[in-house]
């Protein structure tokens, strides 16, 4: 018997969150050990649900030894209840609990892209999402049935959200939540990059219940410093990646590394502090070869590169 799983089941029973089937299992199991409501209430008066669950298991594993008379019909009934309870309990305990990520995946449908791969997605509400390379979009399976439409993004995507004032569209990207009613905008939120960028092309976007962003505004969030910066843009170059053009505007080396991997599938690295700390205005085109892009970058930084397997070392 797996006591840990049994504890979880009993805790759900005590918290009144167990299903009818789970309640039947617990009640039948307790009855088979002659553990009644008085026993439970005595324990419950001094313990929280976790301790109580463990004490119930301990009480069953170490039953009272005082002799008392039980009628034959009750013995047979107890045996039958015990057999039934243990049969159901065995099935329950033998079935593994799903890992946390697996449990989450049952609530969301995931869409992924690989190196130099792009996807155009049409969500059930007719919202269009263009998913950039090495990105994941998780869409709540029943999001059109709720008061809001909710998705999660790891990576980069351009959204054209269908207007629906009754059902706000919310995007969770890292520790930020982006809320829109109907608009088009680009979000860059790779876990490997210290910054999250939200660039608005049309309409309004609200980030973490702050001041709404309007067309041609860019919000830059620094994860380490927990700071926000809003910039005015004449155009939104962030969305050009849909045409195979990645425009880096004062980008960190981490962002450059991510884009190079997304486009060419190589790992860029360096030990040069100057290269790491520099900010880059640099354009990477998927129509160019890796060699062409590296030569252009080295000309910009006055550095050289060497290839070690799938790794490019800047020195």
C-alpha atoms as a PDB file:
ATOM      1  CA  UNK A   1       0.000   0.000   0.000  1.00  0.00           C
ATOM      2  CA  UNK A   2       1.330   3.452  -0.932  1.00  0.00           C
ATOM      3  CA  UNK A   3       0.791   5.590   2.169  1.00  0.00           C
ATOM      4  CA  UNK A   4       1.692   8.792   0.356  1.00  0.00           C
ATOM      5  CA  UNK A   5      -1.073   8.382  -2.209  1.00  0.00           C
ATOM      6  CA  UNK A   6      -3.451   7.317   0.514  1.00  0.00           C
ATOM      7  CA  UNK A   7      -2.625  10.497   2.449  1.00  0.00           C
ATOM      8  CA  UNK A   8      -3.468  12.598  -0.595  1.00  0.00           C
ATOM      9  CA  UNK A   9      -6.799  10.825  -0.946  1.00  0.00           C
ATOM     10  CA  UNK A  10      -7.654  11.277   2.743  1.00  0.00           C
ATOM     11  CA  UNK A  11      -6.620  14.955   2.643  1.00  0.00           C
ATOM     12  CA  UNK A  12      -9.006  15.527  -0.263  1.00  0.00           C
ATOM     13  CA  UNK A  13     -11.725  13.746   1.704  1.00  0.00           C
ATOM     14  CA  UNK A  14     -11.132  15.944   4.764  1.00  0.00           C
ATOM     15  CA  UNK A  15     -11.015  19.117   2.662  1.00  0.00           C
ATOM     16  CA  UNK A  16     -14.321  18.140   1.038  1.00  0.00           C
ATOM     17  CA  UNK A  17     -12.766  18.222  -2.444  1.00  0.00           C
ATOM     18  CA  UNK A  18     -12.915  14.472  -3.116  1.00  0.00           C
ATOM     19  CA  UNK A  19     -15.165  13.073  -5.823  1.00  0.00           C
ATOM     20  CA  UNK A  20     -18.039  10.733  -4.968  1.00  0.00           C
ATOM     21  CA  UNK A  21     -15.904   7.761  -5.994  1.00  0.00           C
ATOM     22  CA  UNK A  22     -12.991   8.946  -3.828  1.00  0.00           C
ATOM     23  CA  UNK A  23     -15.302   9.530  -0.841  1.00  0.00           C
ATOM     24  CA  UNK A  24     -16.698   6.008  -1.252  1.00  0.00           C
ATOM     25  CA  UNK A  25     -13.170   4.575  -1.273  1.00  0.00           C
ATOM     26  CA  UNK A  26     -12.163   6.403   1.916  1.00  0.00           C
ATOM     27  CA  UNK A  27     -15.399   5.697   3.791  1.00  0.00           C
ATOM     28  CA  UNK A  28     -15.402   2.011   2.858  1.00  0.00           C
ATOM     29  CA  UNK A  29     -11.746   1.710   3.766  1.00  0.00           C
ATOM     30  CA  UNK A  30     -12.249   3.346   7.178  1.00  0.00           C
ATOM     31  CA  UNK A  31     -15.323   1.235   7.864  1.00  0.00           C
ATOM     32  CA  UNK A  32     -13.391  -1.942   7.164  1.00  0.00           C
ATOM     33  CA  UNK A  33     -11.060  -1.015  10.038  1.00  0.00           C
ATOM     34  CA  UNK A  34     -13.917  -0.050  12.395  1.00  0.00           C
ATOM     35  CA  UNK A  35     -12.748   3.586  12.384  1.00  0.00           C
ATOM     36  CA  UNK A  36     -15.848   5.708  12.966  1.00  0.00           C
ATOM     37  CA  UNK A  37     -16.626   9.432  12.999  1.00  0.00           C
ATOM     38  CA  UNK A  38     -15.785   9.735  16.715  1.00  0.00           C
ATOM     39  CA  UNK A  39     -12.248   8.554  16.011  1.00  0.00           C
ATOM     40  CA  UNK A  40     -11.902  11.118  13.226  1.00  0.00           C
ATOM     41  CA  UNK A  41     -13.336  14.019  15.248  1.00  0.00           C
ATOM     42  CA  UNK A  42     -11.012  13.283  18.181  1.00  0.00           C
ATOM     43  CA  UNK A  43      -8.024  13.444  15.877  1.00  0.00           C
ATOM     44  CA  UNK A  44      -9.311  16.403  13.907  1.00  0.00           C
ATOM     45  CA  UNK A  45      -9.611  18.592  16.980  1.00  0.00           C
ATOM     46  CA  UNK A  46      -5.837  18.849  17.297  1.00  0.00           C
ATOM     47  CA  UNK A  47      -4.399  18.224  13.863  1.00  0.00           C
ATOM     48  CA  UNK A  48      -4.422  19.880  10.462  1.00  0.00           C
ATOM     49  CA  UNK A  49      -5.471  17.824   7.424  1.00  0.00           C
ATOM     50  CA  UNK A  50      -1.959  16.594   6.566  1.00  0.00           C
ATOM     51  CA  UNK A  51      -1.186  15.475  10.127  1.00  0.00           C
ATOM     52  CA  UNK A  52      -4.675  14.059  10.470  1.00  0.00           C
ATOM     53  CA  UNK A  53      -4.311  11.981   7.326  1.00  0.00           C
ATOM     54  CA  UNK A  54      -1.069  10.513   8.673  1.00  0.00           C
ATOM     55  CA  UNK A  55      -2.634   9.829  12.081  1.00  0.00           C
ATOM     56  CA  UNK A  56      -5.533   8.000  10.445  1.00  0.00           C
ATOM     57  CA  UNK A  57      -3.077   5.790   8.573  1.00  0.00           C
ATOM     58  CA  UNK A  58      -1.121   5.208  11.805  1.00  0.00           C
ATOM     59  CA  UNK A  59      -4.351   4.301  13.629  1.00  0.00           C
ATOM     60  CA  UNK A  60      -5.148   1.721  10.938  1.00  0.00           C
ATOM     61  CA  UNK A  61      -1.622   0.309  10.892  1.00  0.00           C
ATOM     62  CA  UNK A  62      -1.623   0.115  14.722  1.00  0.00           C
ATOM     63  CA  UNK A  63      -5.211  -0.705  15.718  1.00  0.00           C
ATOM     64  CA  UNK A  64      -6.543  -0.690  19.300  1.00  0.00           C
ATOM     65  CA  UNK A  65      -5.869  -3.980  21.056  1.00  0.00           C
ATOM     66  CA  UNK A  66      -8.767  -3.911  23.540  1.00  0.00           C
ATOM     67  CA  UNK A  67     -10.968  -6.988  22.970  1.00  0.00           C
ATOM     68  CA  UNK A  68     -14.624  -6.350  22.188  1.00  0.00           C
ATOM     69  CA  UNK A  69     -17.428  -8.460  20.753  1.00  0.00           C
ATOM     70  CA  UNK A  70     -18.553  -7.910  17.172  1.00  0.00           C
ATOM     71  CA  UNK A  71     -21.651  -9.721  15.866  1.00  0.00           C
ATOM     72  CA  UNK A  72     -21.022 -12.272  13.124  1.00  0.00           C
ATOM     73  CA  UNK A  73     -23.121 -10.396  10.574  1.00  0.00           C
ATOM     74  CA  UNK A  74     -21.114  -7.240  11.225  1.00  0.00           C
ATOM     75  CA  UNK A  75     -17.843  -9.167  10.881  1.00  0.00           C
ATOM     76  CA  UNK A  76     -18.952 -10.532   7.508  1.00  0.00           C
ATOM     77  CA  UNK A  77     -20.115  -7.091   6.460  1.00  0.00           C
ATOM     78  CA  UNK A  78     -16.808  -5.587   7.529  1.00  0.00           C
ATOM     79  CA  UNK A  79     -14.859  -8.221   5.619  1.00  0.00           C
ATOM     80  CA  UNK A  80     -16.931  -7.625   2.497  1.00  0.00           C
ATOM     81  CA  UNK A  81     -16.532  -3.867   2.827  1.00  0.00           C
ATOM     82  CA  UNK A  82     -12.812  -4.310   3.386  1.00  0.00           C
ATOM     83  CA  UNK A  83     -12.414  -6.471   0.289  1.00  0.00           C
ATOM     84  CA  UNK A  84     -14.389  -3.998  -1.821  1.00  0.00           C
ATOM     85  CA  UNK A  85     -12.538  -1.007  -0.426  1.00  0.00           C
ATOM     86  CA  UNK A  86      -9.122  -2.601  -0.879  1.00  0.00           C
ATOM     87  CA  UNK A  87      -9.977  -3.669  -4.430  1.00  0.00           C
ATOM     88  CA  UNK A  88     -10.951  -0.134  -5.387  1.00  0.00           C
ATOM     89  CA  UNK A  89      -8.130   1.376  -3.360  1.00  0.00           C
ATOM     90  CA  UNK A  90      -5.588  -0.897  -5.010  1.00  0.00           C
ATOM     91  CA  UNK A  91      -6.728   0.244  -8.442  1.00  0.00           C
ATOM     92  CA  UNK A  92      -6.501   3.857  -7.305  1.00  0.00           C
ATOM     93  CA  UNK A  93      -3.063   3.526  -5.719  1.00  0.00           C
ATOM     94  CA  UNK A  94      -1.588   1.516  -8.562  1.00  0.00           C
ATOM     95  CA  UNK A  95      -2.568   4.251 -11.000  1.00  0.00           C
ATOM     96  CA  UNK A  96       0.220   6.863 -10.802  1.00  0.00           C
ATOM     97  CA  UNK A  97      -0.622  10.492 -10.169  1.00  0.00           C
ATOM     98  CA  UNK A  98       0.240  12.590 -13.235  1.00  0.00           C
ATOM     99  CA  UNK A  99       3.289  14.853 -12.892  1.00  0.00           C
ATOM    100  CA  UNK A 100       2.596  18.568 -12.491  1.00  0.00           C
ATOM    101  CA  UNK A 101       3.554  19.342 -16.099  1.00  0.00           C
ATOM    102  CA  UNK A 102       1.339  16.527 -17.344  1.00  0.00           C
ATOM    103  CA  UNK A 103      -1.592  17.822 -15.313  1.00  0.00           C
ATOM    104  CA  UNK A 104      -1.104  21.279 -16.796  1.00  0.00           C
ATOM    105  CA  UNK A 105      -0.886  19.844 -20.315  1.00  0.00           C
ATOM    106  CA  UNK A 106      -4.387  18.402 -19.940  1.00  0.00           C
ATOM    107  CA  UNK A 107      -5.706  21.977 -19.603  1.00  0.00           C
ATOM    108  CA  UNK A 108      -3.727  23.469 -22.494  1.00  0.00           C
ATOM    109  CA  UNK A 109      -3.023  22.561 -26.107  1.00  0.00           C
ATOM    110  CA  UNK A 110       0.612  23.219 -27.021  1.00  0.00           C
ATOM    111  CA  UNK A 111       1.984  24.416 -30.355  1.00  0.00           C
ATOM    112  CA  UNK A 112       5.763  24.326 -30.858  1.00  0.00           C
ATOM    113  CA  UNK A 113       8.256  25.377 -33.500  1.00  0.00           C
ATOM    114  CA  UNK A 114      11.847  24.274 -34.094  1.00  0.00           C
ATOM    115  CA  UNK A 115      14.928  25.912 -35.625  1.00  0.00           C
ATOM    116  CA  UNK A 116      14.015  28.242 -38.517  1.00  0.00           C
ATOM    117  CA  UNK A 117      10.410  26.996 -38.315  1.00  0.00           C
ATOM    118  CA  UNK A 118       7.376  29.271 -38.288  1.00  0.00           C
ATOM    119  CA  UNK A 119       3.702  28.518 -37.778  1.00  0.00           C
ATOM    120  CA  UNK A 120       0.518  30.423 -38.481  1.00  0.00           C
ATOM    121  CA  UNK A 121      -2.229  29.453 -36.052  1.00  0.00           C
ATOM    122  CA  UNK A 122      -5.911  30.331 -36.083  1.00  0.00           C
ATOM    123  CA  UNK A 123      -7.432  29.992 -32.619  1.00  0.00           C
ATOM    124  CA  UNK A 124     -11.069  28.943 -32.037  1.00  0.00           C
ATOM    125  CA  UNK A 125     -12.115  32.616 -31.679  1.00  0.00           C
ATOM    126  CA  UNK A 126     -10.497  33.420 -35.078  1.00  0.00           C
ATOM    127  CA  UNK A 127      -7.495  35.156 -33.484  1.00  0.00           C
ATOM    128  CA  UNK A 128      -4.386  34.758 -35.666  1.00  0.00           C
ATOM    129  CA  UNK A 129      -1.041  33.905 -34.088  1.00  0.00           C
ATOM    130  CA  UNK A 130       2.253  33.804 -35.980  1.00  0.00           C
ATOM    131  CA  UNK A 131       4.694  31.718 -33.947  1.00  0.00           C
ATOM    132  CA  UNK A 132       8.415  32.393 -34.404  1.00  0.00           C
ATOM    133  CA  UNK A 133      11.165  29.748 -34.331  1.00  0.00           C
ATOM    134  CA  UNK A 134      11.867  27.807 -31.110  1.00  0.00           C
ATOM    135  CA  UNK A 135       8.702  29.058 -29.453  1.00  0.00           C
ATOM    136  CA  UNK A 136       5.805  27.452 -27.604  1.00  0.00           C
ATOM    137  CA  UNK A 137       2.219  28.679 -27.414  1.00  0.00           C
ATOM    138  CA  UNK A 138      -0.078  27.015 -24.879  1.00  0.00           C
ATOM    139  CA  UNK A 139      -3.783  27.601 -25.520  1.00  0.00           C
ATOM    140  CA  UNK A 140      -6.385  26.910 -22.845  1.00  0.00           C
ATOM    141  CA  UNK A 141      -8.506  24.103 -24.288  1.00  0.00           C
ATOM    142  CA  UNK A 142     -11.797  25.615 -23.167  1.00  0.00           C
ATOM    143  CA  UNK A 143     -10.764  29.280 -23.288  1.00  0.00           C
ATOM    144  CA  UNK A 144     -13.743  30.390 -25.394  1.00  0.00           C
ATOM    145  CA  UNK A 145     -16.101  28.975 -22.762  1.00  0.00           C
ATOM    146  CA  UNK A 146     -14.717  31.171 -19.981  1.00  0.00           C
ATOM    147  CA  UNK A 147     -14.993  34.898 -19.270  1.00  0.00           C
ATOM    148  CA  UNK A 148     -11.544  35.391 -20.751  1.00  0.00           C
ATOM    149  CA  UNK A 149      -9.371  33.920 -23.476  1.00  0.00           C
ATOM    150  CA  UNK A 150      -6.070  32.799 -21.998  1.00  0.00           C
ATOM    151  CA  UNK A 151      -2.799  31.604 -23.590  1.00  0.00           C
ATOM    152  CA  UNK A 152       0.833  31.203 -22.472  1.00  0.00           C
ATOM    153  CA  UNK A 153       3.876  32.093 -24.544  1.00  0.00           C
ATOM    154  CA  UNK A 154       7.504  31.040 -24.281  1.00  0.00           C
ATOM    155  CA  UNK A 155       9.372  32.586 -27.185  1.00  0.00           C
ATOM    156  CA  UNK A 156       8.130  35.076 -29.758  1.00  0.00           C
ATOM    157  CA  UNK A 157       4.818  35.538 -31.536  1.00  0.00           C
ATOM    158  CA  UNK A 158       2.822  38.149 -33.422  1.00  0.00           C
ATOM    159  CA  UNK A 159      -0.860  38.345 -32.504  1.00  0.00           C
ATOM    160  CA  UNK A 160      -3.871  39.633 -34.414  1.00  0.00           C
ATOM    161  CA  UNK A 161      -6.519  39.350 -31.710  1.00  0.00           C
ATOM    162  CA  UNK A 162     -10.179  39.223 -32.669  1.00  0.00           C
ATOM    163  CA  UNK A 163     -12.195  41.866 -30.823  1.00  0.00           C
ATOM    164  CA  UNK A 164     -14.470  40.589 -28.075  1.00  0.00           C
ATOM    165  CA  UNK A 165     -15.081  43.022 -25.197  1.00  0.00           C
ATOM    166  CA  UNK A 166     -16.888  40.381 -23.161  1.00  0.00           C
ATOM    167  CA  UNK A 167     -13.914  38.006 -23.311  1.00  0.00           C
ATOM    168  CA  UNK A 168     -10.561  39.794 -22.807  1.00  0.00           C
ATOM    169  CA  UNK A 169      -7.565  38.081 -24.387  1.00  0.00           C
ATOM    170  CA  UNK A 170      -4.761  37.438 -21.868  1.00  0.00           C
ATOM    171  CA  UNK A 171      -1.238  36.236 -22.578  1.00  0.00           C
ATOM    172  CA  UNK A 172       1.049  34.970 -19.826  1.00  0.00           C
ATOM    173  CA  UNK A 173       4.682  35.484 -20.811  1.00  0.00           C
ATOM    174  CA  UNK A 174       7.127  34.805 -18.002  1.00  0.00           C
ATOM    175  CA  UNK A 175       6.058  36.892 -15.014  1.00  0.00           C
ATOM    176  CA  UNK A 176       4.100  39.361 -17.147  1.00  0.00           C
ATOM    177  CA  UNK A 177       0.449  39.270 -18.140  1.00  0.00           C
ATOM    178  CA  UNK A 178      -0.600  41.070 -21.315  1.00  0.00           C
ATOM    179  CA  UNK A 179      -4.288  41.952 -21.622  1.00  0.00           C
ATOM    180  CA  UNK A 180      -5.963  43.038 -24.873  1.00  0.00           C
ATOM    181  CA  UNK A 181      -9.455  43.462 -26.290  1.00  0.00           C
ATOM    182  CA  UNK A 182      -8.611  43.501 -29.970  1.00  0.00           C
ATOM    183  CA  UNK A 183      -5.313  44.568 -31.496  1.00  0.00           C
ATOM    184  CA  UNK A 184      -2.144  43.463 -33.295  1.00  0.00           C
ATOM    185  CA  UNK A 185       1.193  43.323 -31.514  1.00  0.00           C
ATOM    186  CA  UNK A 186       4.431  41.382 -31.141  1.00  0.00           C
ATOM    187  CA  UNK A 187       5.712  39.743 -27.949  1.00  0.00           C
ATOM    188  CA  UNK A 188       9.243  38.499 -27.412  1.00  0.00           C
ATOM    189  CA  UNK A 189       9.642  36.534 -24.194  1.00  0.00           C
ATOM    190  CA  UNK A 190      12.284  33.823 -24.440  1.00  0.00           C
ATOM    191  CA  UNK A 191      13.324  32.378 -21.073  1.00  0.00           C
ATOM    192  CA  UNK A 192      16.971  32.677 -22.147  1.00  0.00           C
ATOM    193  CA  UNK A 193      16.711  36.464 -22.584  1.00  0.00           C
ATOM    194  CA  UNK A 194      16.668  38.921 -19.667  1.00  0.00           C
ATOM    195  CA  UNK A 195      14.147  41.201 -21.386  1.00  0.00           C
ATOM    196  CA  UNK A 196      10.521  40.803 -22.406  1.00  0.00           C
ATOM    197  CA  UNK A 197       9.389  43.092 -25.237  1.00  0.00           C
ATOM    198  CA  UNK A 198       5.845  44.023 -26.193  1.00  0.00           C
ATOM    199  CA  UNK A 199       5.541  46.052 -29.413  1.00  0.00           C
ATOM    200  CA  UNK A 200       2.100  47.341 -30.427  1.00  0.00           C
ATOM    201  CA  UNK A 201       1.184  47.757 -34.087  1.00  0.00           C
ATOM    202  CA  UNK A 202      -2.486  48.699 -33.632  1.00  0.00           C
ATOM    203  CA  UNK A 203      -5.066  49.026 -30.853  1.00  0.00           C
ATOM    204  CA  UNK A 204      -4.241  48.988 -27.132  1.00  0.00           C
ATOM    205  CA  UNK A 205      -2.400  46.546 -24.891  1.00  0.00           C
ATOM    206  CA  UNK A 206      -2.192  46.554 -21.103  1.00  0.00           C
ATOM    207  CA  UNK A 207       0.715  44.903 -19.288  1.00  0.00           C
ATOM    208  CA  UNK A 208       0.282  43.915 -15.634  1.00  0.00           C
ATOM    209  CA  UNK A 209      -2.634  46.369 -15.245  1.00  0.00           C
ATOM    210  CA  UNK A 210      -0.347  49.303 -16.032  1.00  0.00           C
ATOM    211  CA  UNK A 211      -0.846  52.236 -18.395  1.00  0.00           C
ATOM    212  CA  UNK A 212      -2.111  50.928 -21.765  1.00  0.00           C
ATOM    213  CA  UNK A 213       0.318  50.830 -24.680  1.00  0.00           C
ATOM    214  CA  UNK A 214      -0.889  52.242 -27.983  1.00  0.00           C
ATOM    215  CA  UNK A 215       0.203  51.842 -31.598  1.00  0.00           C
ATOM    216  CA  UNK A 216       3.944  52.296 -32.257  1.00  0.00           C
ATOM    217  CA  UNK A 217       4.853  51.936 -28.592  1.00  0.00           C
ATOM    218  CA  UNK A 218       7.337  49.393 -27.283  1.00  0.00           C
ATOM    219  CA  UNK A 219       7.502  48.208 -23.684  1.00  0.00           C
ATOM    220  CA  UNK A 220      10.763  46.663 -22.471  1.00  0.00           C
ATOM    221  CA  UNK A 221      10.694  44.755 -19.175  1.00  0.00           C
ATOM    222  CA  UNK A 222      13.970  43.893 -17.438  1.00  0.00           C
ATOM    223  CA  UNK A 223      13.555  40.603 -15.550  1.00  0.00           C
ATOM    224  CA  UNK A 224      16.504  41.079 -13.203  1.00  0.00           C
ATOM    225  CA  UNK A 225      15.855  44.711 -12.355  1.00  0.00           C
ATOM    226  CA  UNK A 226      12.033  44.372 -12.419  1.00  0.00           C
ATOM    227  CA  UNK A 227      11.909  47.634 -14.376  1.00  0.00           C
ATOM    228  CA  UNK A 228       9.725  48.848 -17.251  1.00  0.00           C
ATOM    229  CA  UNK A 229      10.673  51.174 -20.093  1.00  0.00           C
ATOM    230  CA  UNK A 230       8.289  52.525 -22.731  1.00  0.00           C
ATOM    231  CA  UNK A 231       9.639  53.730 -26.086  1.00  0.00           C
ATOM    232  CA  UNK A 232       8.013  55.406 -29.085  1.00  0.00           C
ATOM    233  CA  UNK A 233       8.657  53.749 -32.452  1.00  0.00           C
ATOM    234  CA  UNK A 234       7.956  55.026 -35.948  1.00  0.00           C
ATOM    235  CA  UNK A 235       7.498  51.422 -37.033  1.00  0.00           C
ATOM    236  CA  UNK A 236       7.487  47.992 -35.424  1.00  0.00           C
ATOM    237  CA  UNK A 237      10.554  46.166 -36.814  1.00  0.00           C
ATOM    238  CA  UNK A 238      10.025  43.346 -34.278  1.00  0.00           C
ATOM    239  CA  UNK A 239       7.362  41.852 -36.552  1.00  0.00           C
ATOM    240  CA  UNK A 240       9.673  41.622 -39.585  1.00  0.00           C
ATOM    241  CA  UNK A 241      10.795  38.151 -38.511  1.00  0.00           C
ATOM    242  CA  UNK A 242       7.672  36.891 -40.319  1.00  0.00           C
ATOM    243  CA  UNK A 243       9.504  37.847 -43.516  1.00  0.00           C
ATOM    244  CA  UNK A 244      12.714  36.158 -42.391  1.00  0.00           C
ATOM    245  CA  UNK A 245      14.285  39.382 -41.097  1.00  0.00           C
ATOM    246  CA  UNK A 246      15.289  39.629 -37.426  1.00  0.00           C
ATOM    247  CA  UNK A 247      16.008  43.244 -36.479  1.00  0.00           C
ATOM    248  CA  UNK A 248      18.015  43.607 -33.269  1.00  0.00           C
ATOM    249  CA  UNK A 249      17.677  47.070 -31.730  1.00  0.00           C
ATOM    250  CA  UNK A 250      20.078  47.665 -28.839  1.00  0.00           C
ATOM    251  CA  UNK A 251      19.908  43.939 -28.231  1.00  0.00           C
ATOM    252  CA  UNK A 252      21.881  42.134 -25.548  1.00  0.00           C
ATOM    253  CA  UNK A 253      24.350  39.389 -26.407  1.00  0.00           C
ATOM    254  CA  UNK A 254      21.871  36.864 -24.959  1.00  0.00           C
ATOM    255  CA  UNK A 255      19.256  38.036 -27.447  1.00  0.00           C
ATOM    256  CA  UNK A 256      21.765  37.780 -30.288  1.00  0.00           C
ATOM    257  CA  UNK A 257      22.616  34.222 -29.166  1.00  0.00           C
ATOM    258  CA  UNK A 258      18.914  33.284 -29.138  1.00  0.00           C
ATOM    259  CA  UNK A 259      18.217  34.703 -32.601  1.00  0.00           C
ATOM    260  CA  UNK A 260      21.305  33.037 -34.104  1.00  0.00           C
ATOM    261  CA  UNK A 261      20.156  29.709 -32.709  1.00  0.00           C
ATOM    262  CA  UNK A 262      16.580  30.253 -33.915  1.00  0.00           C
ATOM    263  CA  UNK A 263      17.727  31.024 -37.457  1.00  0.00           C
ATOM    264  CA  UNK A 264      20.772  28.770 -37.890  1.00  0.00           C
ATOM    265  CA  UNK A 265      20.594  26.224 -35.057  1.00  0.00           C
ATOM    266  CA  UNK A 266      24.094  27.053 -33.756  1.00  0.00           C
ATOM    267  CA  UNK A 267      25.266  28.022 -30.276  1.00  0.00           C
ATOM    268  CA  UNK A 268      27.093  31.345 -30.139  1.00  0.00           C
ATOM    269  CA  UNK A 269      29.509  31.900 -27.247  1.00  0.00           C
ATOM    270  CA  UNK A 270      32.403  34.122 -26.187  1.00  0.00           C
ATOM    271  CA  UNK A 271      34.672  34.863 -23.241  1.00  0.00           C
ATOM    272  CA  UNK A 272      35.051  38.518 -24.234  1.00  0.00           C
ATOM    273  CA  UNK A 273      33.422  40.769 -21.626  1.00  0.00           C
ATOM    274  CA  UNK A 274      33.195  43.568 -24.174  1.00  0.00           C
ATOM    275  CA  UNK A 275      31.209  41.383 -26.560  1.00  0.00           C
ATOM    276  CA  UNK A 276      28.969  40.154 -23.725  1.00  0.00           C
ATOM    277  CA  UNK A 277      28.247  43.640 -22.356  1.00  0.00           C
ATOM    278  CA  UNK A 278      27.775  45.364 -25.714  1.00  0.00           C
ATOM    279  CA  UNK A 279      24.377  46.347 -27.145  1.00  0.00           C
ATOM    280  CA  UNK A 280      23.792  45.506 -30.797  1.00  0.00           C
ATOM    281  CA  UNK A 281      21.960  47.091 -33.707  1.00  0.00           C
ATOM    282  CA  UNK A 282      22.186  44.181 -36.070  1.00  0.00           C
ATOM    283  CA  UNK A 283      19.979  42.560 -38.704  1.00  0.00           C
ATOM    284  CA  UNK A 284      19.956  38.820 -39.367  1.00  0.00           C
ATOM    285  CA  UNK A 285      18.321  37.603 -42.572  1.00  0.00           C
ATOM    286  CA  UNK A 286      17.388  33.957 -43.006  1.00  0.00           C
ATOM    287  CA  UNK A 287      18.207  34.349 -46.717  1.00  0.00           C
ATOM    288  CA  UNK A 288      21.872  34.784 -45.794  1.00  0.00           C
ATOM    289  CA  UNK A 289      24.156  31.893 -44.948  1.00  0.00           C
ATOM    290  CA  UNK A 290      25.566  31.418 -41.458  1.00  0.00           C
ATOM    291  CA  UNK A 291      29.011  32.347 -42.758  1.00  0.00           C
ATOM    292  CA  UNK A 292      27.726  35.613 -44.216  1.00  0.00           C
ATOM    293  CA  UNK A 293      26.034  36.612 -40.949  1.00  0.00           C
ATOM    294  CA  UNK A 294      29.101  35.714 -38.868  1.00  0.00           C
ATOM    295  CA  UNK A 295      31.430  37.665 -41.151  1.00  0.00           C
ATOM    296  CA  UNK A 296      29.152  40.689 -40.879  1.00  0.00           C
ATOM    297  CA  UNK A 297      29.025  40.412 -37.079  1.00  0.00           C
ATOM    298  CA  UNK A 298      32.802  40.039 -36.755  1.00  0.00           C
ATOM    299  CA  UNK A 299      33.305  43.065 -38.990  1.00  0.00           C
ATOM    300  CA  UNK A 300      30.996  45.035 -36.688  1.00  0.00           C
ATOM    301  CA  UNK A 301      32.735  43.936 -33.476  1.00  0.00           C
ATOM    302  CA  UNK A 302      36.290  43.721 -34.841  1.00  0.00           C
ATOM    303  CA  UNK A 303      36.426  40.106 -33.660  1.00  0.00           C
ATOM    304  CA  UNK A 304      37.022  36.695 -35.218  1.00  0.00           C
ATOM    305  CA  UNK A 305      35.201  33.400 -34.912  1.00  0.00           C
ATOM    306  CA  UNK A 306      35.954  29.713 -35.000  1.00  0.00           C
ATOM    307  CA  UNK A 307      33.622  26.745 -35.282  1.00  0.00           C
ATOM    308  CA  UNK A 308      33.738  23.899 -32.745  1.00  0.00           C
ATOM    309  CA  UNK A 309      31.110  21.368 -33.764  1.00  0.00           C
ATOM    310  CA  UNK A 310      27.757  23.108 -33.384  1.00  0.00           C
ATOM    311  CA  UNK A 311      29.271  25.971 -31.371  1.00  0.00           C
ATOM    312  CA  UNK A 312      30.559  29.274 -32.749  1.00  0.00           C
ATOM    313  CA  UNK A 313      33.206  30.910 -30.544  1.00  0.00           C
ATOM    314  CA  UNK A 314      33.704  34.660 -30.902  1.00  0.00           C
ATOM    315  CA  UNK A 315      37.242  35.725 -29.890  1.00  0.00           C
END
